[in-house]
Amino acid sequence: MPEVIRKKVDTFTNCEDIAMNFLISHLTQKAPIKVTPTFEWVCPKCDKNEKGKDPLWKHPKHFEERNDCINFFTEVYGYLPLFKSEYRLDDISDNVKPICIRTNNNNSPV
């Protein structure tokens, strides 16, 4: 990963997930696989982080910074390596049927 991208992530304390997706897509020419839980976990008492501050996503400029990261990373790589993709892995221990769909930029299954 280019050092300027690591420095940008450190400066923003944000965008590390986007940087990894760029790197994976750049190296493999495929969409990265994102693994998420089958349900959304919500903690009503977790409105502050361990230091008593608001989480990053509550910061007013959080999503603007993430958009800036995408633009900056695209400039550094010289192109947008991300692929449009859907890929979902469900934990079968939850008795949920796994859904796995992967598409390329033309929305054709791969």
N, C-alpha and C. Protein backbone atom coordinates (compact mmCIF):
# COMPACT_ATOMS: atom_id res chain seq x y z
N MET A 1 0.85 -1.17 0.00
CA MET A 1 0.00 0.00 0.00
C MET A 1 0.90 1.24 0.00
N PRO A 2 0.60 2.21 -0.85
CA PRO A 2 1.42 3.41 -0.88
C PRO A 2 1.45 4.12 0.48
N GLU A 3 2.62 4.61 0.84
CA GLU A 3 2.79 5.26 2.14
C GLU A 3 1.88 6.48 2.29
N VAL A 4 1.63 7.22 1.21
CA VAL A 4 0.77 8.41 1.32
C VAL A 4 -0.65 8.03 1.74
N ILE A 5 -1.10 6.83 1.37
CA ILE A 5 -2.43 6.38 1.79
C ILE A 5 -2.41 6.05 3.28
N ARG A 6 -1.37 5.38 3.74
CA ARG A 6 -1.27 5.09 5.19
C ARG A 6 -1.24 6.37 6.00
N LYS A 7 -0.54 7.39 5.50
CA LYS A 7 -0.47 8.67 6.21
C LYS A 7 -1.83 9.36 6.24
N LYS A 8 -2.57 9.26 5.14
CA LYS A 8 -3.91 9.86 5.09
C LYS A 8 -4.83 9.19 6.11
N VAL A 9 -4.76 7.87 6.20
CA VAL A 9 -5.57 7.12 7.17
C VAL A 9 -5.20 7.55 8.59
N ASP A 10 -3.91 7.67 8.86
CA ASP A 10 -3.46 8.10 10.19
C ASP A 10 -3.90 9.52 10.51
N THR A 11 -3.85 10.39 9.50
CA THR A 11 -4.25 11.78 9.70
C THR A 11 -5.73 11.88 10.05
N PHE A 12 -6.57 11.17 9.31
CA PHE A 12 -8.02 11.22 9.53
C PHE A 12 -8.46 10.31 10.68
N THR A 13 -7.64 9.35 11.05
CA THR A 13 -8.05 8.26 11.96
C THR A 13 -9.37 7.70 11.42
N ASN A 14 -9.39 7.42 10.16
CA ASN A 14 -10.59 7.02 9.45
C ASN A 14 -10.15 6.40 8.12
N CYS A 15 -11.03 5.73 7.44
CA CYS A 15 -10.84 5.24 6.07
C CYS A 15 -9.95 4.02 5.94
N GLU A 16 -9.54 3.37 7.05
CA GLU A 16 -8.67 2.20 6.92
C GLU A 16 -9.37 1.08 6.18
N ASP A 17 -10.69 0.95 6.34
CA ASP A 17 -11.43 -0.09 5.63
C ASP A 17 -11.47 0.20 4.13
N ILE A 18 -11.61 1.45 3.78
CA ILE A 18 -11.63 1.84 2.37
C ILE A 18 -10.25 1.60 1.75
N ALA A 19 -9.20 1.96 2.48
CA ALA A 19 -7.84 1.76 1.99
C ALA A 19 -7.57 0.28 1.72
N MET A 20 -8.03 -0.60 2.61
CA MET A 20 -7.83 -2.04 2.42
C MET A 20 -8.63 -2.54 1.21
N ASN A 21 -9.85 -2.04 1.03
CA ASN A 21 -10.64 -2.44 -0.13
C ASN A 21 -9.96 -2.01 -1.43
N PHE A 22 -9.39 -0.80 -1.45
CA PHE A 22 -8.65 -0.34 -2.63
C PHE A 22 -7.48 -1.27 -2.90
N LEU A 23 -6.71 -1.58 -1.86
CA LEU A 23 -5.53 -2.42 -2.03
C LEU A 23 -5.90 -3.81 -2.54
N ILE A 24 -6.89 -4.43 -1.93
CA ILE A 24 -7.31 -5.78 -2.35
C ILE A 24 -7.79 -5.77 -3.80
N SER A 25 -8.62 -4.80 -4.14
CA SER A 25 -9.13 -4.73 -5.52
C SER A 25 -8.01 -4.44 -6.51
N HIS A 26 -7.08 -3.59 -6.12
CA HIS A 26 -5.95 -3.26 -7.00
C HIS A 26 -5.08 -4.50 -7.26
N LEU A 27 -4.78 -5.25 -6.22
CA LEU A 27 -3.90 -6.41 -6.36
C LEU A 27 -4.56 -7.61 -7.04
N THR A 28 -5.84 -7.83 -6.77
CA THR A 28 -6.52 -9.03 -7.28
C THR A 28 -7.37 -8.77 -8.52
N GLN A 29 -7.69 -7.50 -8.78
CA GLN A 29 -8.62 -7.13 -9.85
C GLN A 29 -9.99 -7.79 -9.63
N LYS A 30 -10.33 -8.00 -8.38
CA LYS A 30 -11.63 -8.53 -7.98
C LYS A 30 -12.15 -7.71 -6.81
N ALA A 31 -13.42 -7.85 -6.58
CA ALA A 31 -14.01 -7.16 -5.43
C ALA A 31 -13.60 -7.87 -4.15
N PRO A 32 -13.31 -7.09 -3.10
CA PRO A 32 -13.02 -7.73 -1.83
C PRO A 32 -14.28 -8.35 -1.25
N ILE A 33 -14.11 -9.30 -0.37
CA ILE A 33 -15.25 -9.95 0.27
C ILE A 33 -15.44 -9.33 1.64
N LYS A 34 -16.64 -8.89 1.92
CA LYS A 34 -16.95 -8.31 3.21
C LYS A 34 -17.81 -9.30 3.97
N VAL A 35 -17.40 -9.64 5.17
CA VAL A 35 -18.15 -10.57 6.00
C VAL A 35 -18.82 -9.77 7.10
N THR A 36 -20.13 -9.89 7.19
CA THR A 36 -20.88 -9.15 8.20
C THR A 36 -21.80 -10.09 8.96
N PRO A 37 -22.24 -9.68 10.13
CA PRO A 37 -23.19 -10.51 10.87
C PRO A 37 -24.53 -10.56 10.17
N THR A 38 -25.34 -11.57 10.50
CA THR A 38 -26.64 -11.71 9.87
C THR A 38 -27.66 -10.77 10.49
N PHE A 39 -27.31 -10.15 11.58
CA PHE A 39 -28.20 -9.20 12.21
C PHE A 39 -27.36 -7.99 12.62
N GLU A 40 -28.02 -6.88 12.83
CA GLU A 40 -27.31 -5.68 13.25
C GLU A 40 -27.28 -5.64 14.76
N TRP A 41 -26.09 -5.59 15.33
CA TRP A 41 -25.94 -5.54 16.77
C TRP A 41 -26.03 -4.09 17.20
N VAL A 42 -26.89 -3.82 18.17
CA VAL A 42 -27.08 -2.46 18.66
C VAL A 42 -26.86 -2.48 20.17
N CYS A 43 -26.07 -1.56 20.64
CA CYS A 43 -25.81 -1.42 22.07
C CYS A 43 -26.33 -0.05 22.51
N PRO A 44 -27.50 -0.01 23.16
CA PRO A 44 -28.08 1.28 23.53
C PRO A 44 -27.22 2.09 24.49
N LYS A 45 -26.33 1.44 25.24
CA LYS A 45 -25.48 2.16 26.19
C LYS A 45 -24.13 2.53 25.59
N CYS A 46 -23.93 2.24 24.31
CA CYS A 46 -22.62 2.45 23.68
C CYS A 46 -22.59 3.71 22.82
N ASP A 47 -23.12 4.80 23.31
CA ASP A 47 -23.09 6.02 22.52
C ASP A 47 -21.77 6.76 22.67
N LYS A 48 -20.88 6.27 23.52
CA LYS A 48 -19.54 6.85 23.69
C LYS A 48 -18.51 5.74 23.55
N ASN A 49 -17.31 6.11 23.12
CA ASN A 49 -16.24 5.10 23.03
C ASN A 49 -15.60 4.90 24.40
N GLU A 50 -14.54 4.09 24.44
CA GLU A 50 -13.92 3.78 25.73
C GLU A 50 -13.29 4.99 26.40
N LYS A 51 -13.05 6.07 25.63
CA LYS A 51 -12.48 7.29 26.21
C LYS A 51 -13.57 8.32 26.55
N GLY A 52 -14.83 7.91 26.40
CA GLY A 52 -15.93 8.81 26.73
C GLY A 52 -16.28 9.80 25.63
N LYS A 53 -15.73 9.57 24.44
CA LYS A 53 -16.01 10.47 23.31
C LYS A 53 -17.01 9.83 22.36
N ASP A 54 -17.63 10.67 21.53
CA ASP A 54 -18.55 10.15 20.51
C ASP A 54 -17.79 9.28 19.53
N PRO A 55 -18.43 8.22 19.01
CA PRO A 55 -17.77 7.41 17.98
C PRO A 55 -17.54 8.23 16.71
N LEU A 56 -16.60 7.77 15.88
CA LEU A 56 -16.25 8.51 14.66
C LEU A 56 -17.46 8.84 13.80
N TRP A 57 -18.37 7.88 13.61
CA TRP A 57 -19.48 8.11 12.69
C TRP A 57 -20.41 9.21 13.15
N LYS A 58 -20.32 9.62 14.42
CA LYS A 58 -21.15 10.73 14.90
C LYS A 58 -20.51 12.08 14.63
N HIS A 59 -19.23 12.07 14.26
CA HIS A 59 -18.53 13.31 13.95
C HIS A 59 -19.16 13.93 12.71
N PRO A 60 -19.45 15.23 12.72
CA PRO A 60 -20.15 15.85 11.58
C PRO A 60 -19.45 15.68 10.24
N LYS A 61 -18.14 15.58 10.22
CA LYS A 61 -17.41 15.48 8.95
C LYS A 61 -16.98 14.06 8.61
N HIS A 62 -17.46 13.07 9.36
CA HIS A 62 -17.03 11.69 9.16
C HIS A 62 -17.23 11.22 7.73
N PHE A 63 -18.43 11.36 7.20
CA PHE A 63 -18.72 10.85 5.86
C PHE A 63 -18.09 11.72 4.78
N GLU A 64 -17.93 13.00 5.05
CA GLU A 64 -17.22 13.88 4.11
C GLU A 64 -15.75 13.45 4.01
N GLU A 65 -15.14 13.12 5.16
CA GLU A 65 -13.75 12.65 5.15
C GLU A 65 -13.63 11.34 4.39
N ARG A 66 -14.60 10.43 4.54
CA ARG A 66 -14.55 9.15 3.83
C ARG A 66 -14.66 9.38 2.32
N ASN A 67 -15.49 10.32 1.91
CA ASN A 67 -15.59 10.67 0.49
C ASN A 67 -14.26 11.25 0.00
N ASP A 68 -13.65 12.11 0.81
CA ASP A 68 -12.34 12.67 0.45
C ASP A 68 -11.30 11.56 0.31
N CYS A 69 -11.37 10.55 1.19
CA CYS A 69 -10.44 9.42 1.11
C CYS A 69 -10.59 8.69 -0.23
N ILE A 70 -11.83 8.42 -0.63
CA ILE A 70 -12.06 7.73 -1.90
C ILE A 70 -11.46 8.53 -3.05
N ASN A 71 -11.69 9.82 -3.06
CA ASN A 71 -11.14 10.67 -4.13
C ASN A 71 -9.61 10.68 -4.09
N PHE A 72 -9.03 10.79 -2.90
CA PHE A 72 -7.58 10.81 -2.75
C PHE A 72 -6.97 9.48 -3.17
N PHE A 73 -7.54 8.36 -2.70
CA PHE A 73 -7.02 7.04 -3.04
C PHE A 73 -7.10 6.80 -4.54
N THR A 74 -8.17 7.25 -5.16
CA THR A 74 -8.33 7.11 -6.62
C THR A 74 -7.22 7.89 -7.34
N GLU A 75 -6.92 9.07 -6.83
CA GLU A 75 -5.85 9.88 -7.43
C GLU A 75 -4.49 9.18 -7.26
N VAL A 76 -4.24 8.62 -6.09
CA VAL A 76 -2.96 7.96 -5.84
C VAL A 76 -2.79 6.73 -6.74
N TYR A 77 -3.85 5.90 -6.84
CA TYR A 77 -3.76 4.70 -7.67
C TYR A 77 -3.84 5.02 -9.16
N GLY A 78 -4.36 6.18 -9.50
CA GLY A 78 -4.48 6.56 -10.90
C GLY A 78 -5.73 6.03 -11.56
N TYR A 79 -6.55 5.32 -10.81
CA TYR A 79 -7.83 4.81 -11.30
C TYR A 79 -8.62 4.33 -10.08
N LEU A 80 -9.89 4.03 -10.29
CA LEU A 80 -10.75 3.52 -9.21
C LEU A 80 -10.76 2.00 -9.29
N PRO A 81 -10.02 1.32 -8.41
CA PRO A 81 -9.91 -0.14 -8.52
C PRO A 81 -11.13 -0.90 -7.98
N LEU A 82 -12.04 -0.21 -7.31
CA LEU A 82 -13.18 -0.90 -6.70
C LEU A 82 -14.12 -1.47 -7.76
N PHE A 83 -14.72 -2.61 -7.46
CA PHE A 83 -15.66 -3.26 -8.35
C PHE A 83 -17.03 -3.27 -7.70
N LYS A 84 -18.06 -3.09 -8.52
CA LYS A 84 -19.41 -3.25 -8.00
C LYS A 84 -19.62 -4.73 -7.73
N SER A 85 -20.04 -5.03 -6.53
CA SER A 85 -20.14 -6.43 -6.16
C SER A 85 -21.13 -6.63 -5.03
N GLU A 86 -21.72 -7.80 -4.99
CA GLU A 86 -22.51 -8.24 -3.85
C GLU A 86 -21.96 -9.60 -3.46
N TYR A 87 -21.56 -9.71 -2.23
CA TYR A 87 -21.09 -11.01 -1.75
C TYR A 87 -21.41 -11.05 -0.27
N ARG A 88 -22.19 -11.99 0.11
CA ARG A 88 -22.61 -12.07 1.50
C ARG A 88 -22.39 -13.48 2.01
N LEU A 89 -21.80 -13.55 3.18
CA LEU A 89 -21.60 -14.84 3.84
C LEU A 89 -22.38 -14.82 5.15
N ASP A 90 -23.30 -15.73 5.29
CA ASP A 90 -24.08 -15.80 6.52
C ASP A 90 -23.60 -16.96 7.37
N ASP A 91 -23.60 -16.75 8.66
CA ASP A 91 -23.23 -17.79 9.61
C ASP A 91 -24.31 -18.85 9.63
N ILE A 92 -23.98 -20.05 9.20
CA ILE A 92 -25.00 -21.11 9.12
C ILE A 92 -25.38 -21.63 10.49
N SER A 93 -24.62 -21.27 11.53
CA SER A 93 -25.02 -21.68 12.87
C SER A 93 -26.27 -20.95 13.32
N ASP A 94 -26.63 -19.86 12.64
CA ASP A 94 -27.86 -19.13 12.94
C ASP A 94 -29.05 -19.72 12.20
N ASN A 95 -28.84 -20.88 11.56
CA ASN A 95 -29.88 -21.53 10.76
C ASN A 95 -30.40 -20.63 9.65
N VAL A 96 -29.51 -19.85 9.08
CA VAL A 96 -29.85 -18.97 7.97
C VAL A 96 -29.21 -19.54 6.72
N LYS A 97 -29.97 -19.65 5.66
CA LYS A 97 -29.42 -20.15 4.40
C LYS A 97 -28.42 -19.15 3.85
N PRO A 98 -27.18 -19.56 3.58
CA PRO A 98 -26.18 -18.63 3.05
C PRO A 98 -26.57 -18.10 1.67
N ILE A 99 -26.28 -16.84 1.45
CA ILE A 99 -26.52 -16.20 0.16
C ILE A 99 -25.17 -15.75 -0.36
N CYS A 100 -24.78 -16.22 -1.52
CA CYS A 100 -23.50 -15.83 -2.09
C CYS A 100 -23.71 -15.40 -3.53
N ILE A 101 -23.57 -14.12 -3.77
CA ILE A 101 -23.70 -13.58 -5.11
C ILE A 101 -22.47 -12.70 -5.35
N ARG A 102 -21.79 -12.92 -6.41
CA ARG A 102 -20.65 -12.07 -6.75
C ARG A 102 -20.83 -11.64 -8.19
N THR A 103 -20.73 -10.33 -8.43
CA THR A 103 -20.89 -9.81 -9.78
C THR A 103 -19.67 -9.01 -10.15
N ASN A 104 -19.45 -8.88 -11.45
CA ASN A 104 -18.36 -8.02 -11.91
C ASN A 104 -18.93 -6.65 -12.25
N ASN A 105 -18.15 -5.80 -12.88
CA ASN A 105 -18.61 -4.44 -13.19
C ASN A 105 -19.79 -4.41 -14.17
N ASN A 106 -20.02 -5.51 -14.89
CA ASN A 106 -21.14 -5.56 -15.84
C ASN A 106 -22.37 -6.18 -15.20
N ASN A 107 -22.36 -6.38 -13.88
CA ASN A 107 -23.44 -7.03 -13.14
C ASN A 107 -23.66 -8.47 -13.57
N SER A 108 -22.65 -9.09 -14.17
CA SER A 108 -22.73 -10.50 -14.54
C SER A 108 -22.13 -11.32 -13.43
N PRO A 109 -22.74 -12.44 -13.06
CA PRO A 109 -22.15 -13.29 -12.03
C PRO A 109 -20.77 -13.77 -12.45
N VAL A 110 -19.88 -13.87 -11.46
CA VAL A 110 -18.52 -14.37 -11.72
C VAL A 110 -18.28 -15.64 -10.94
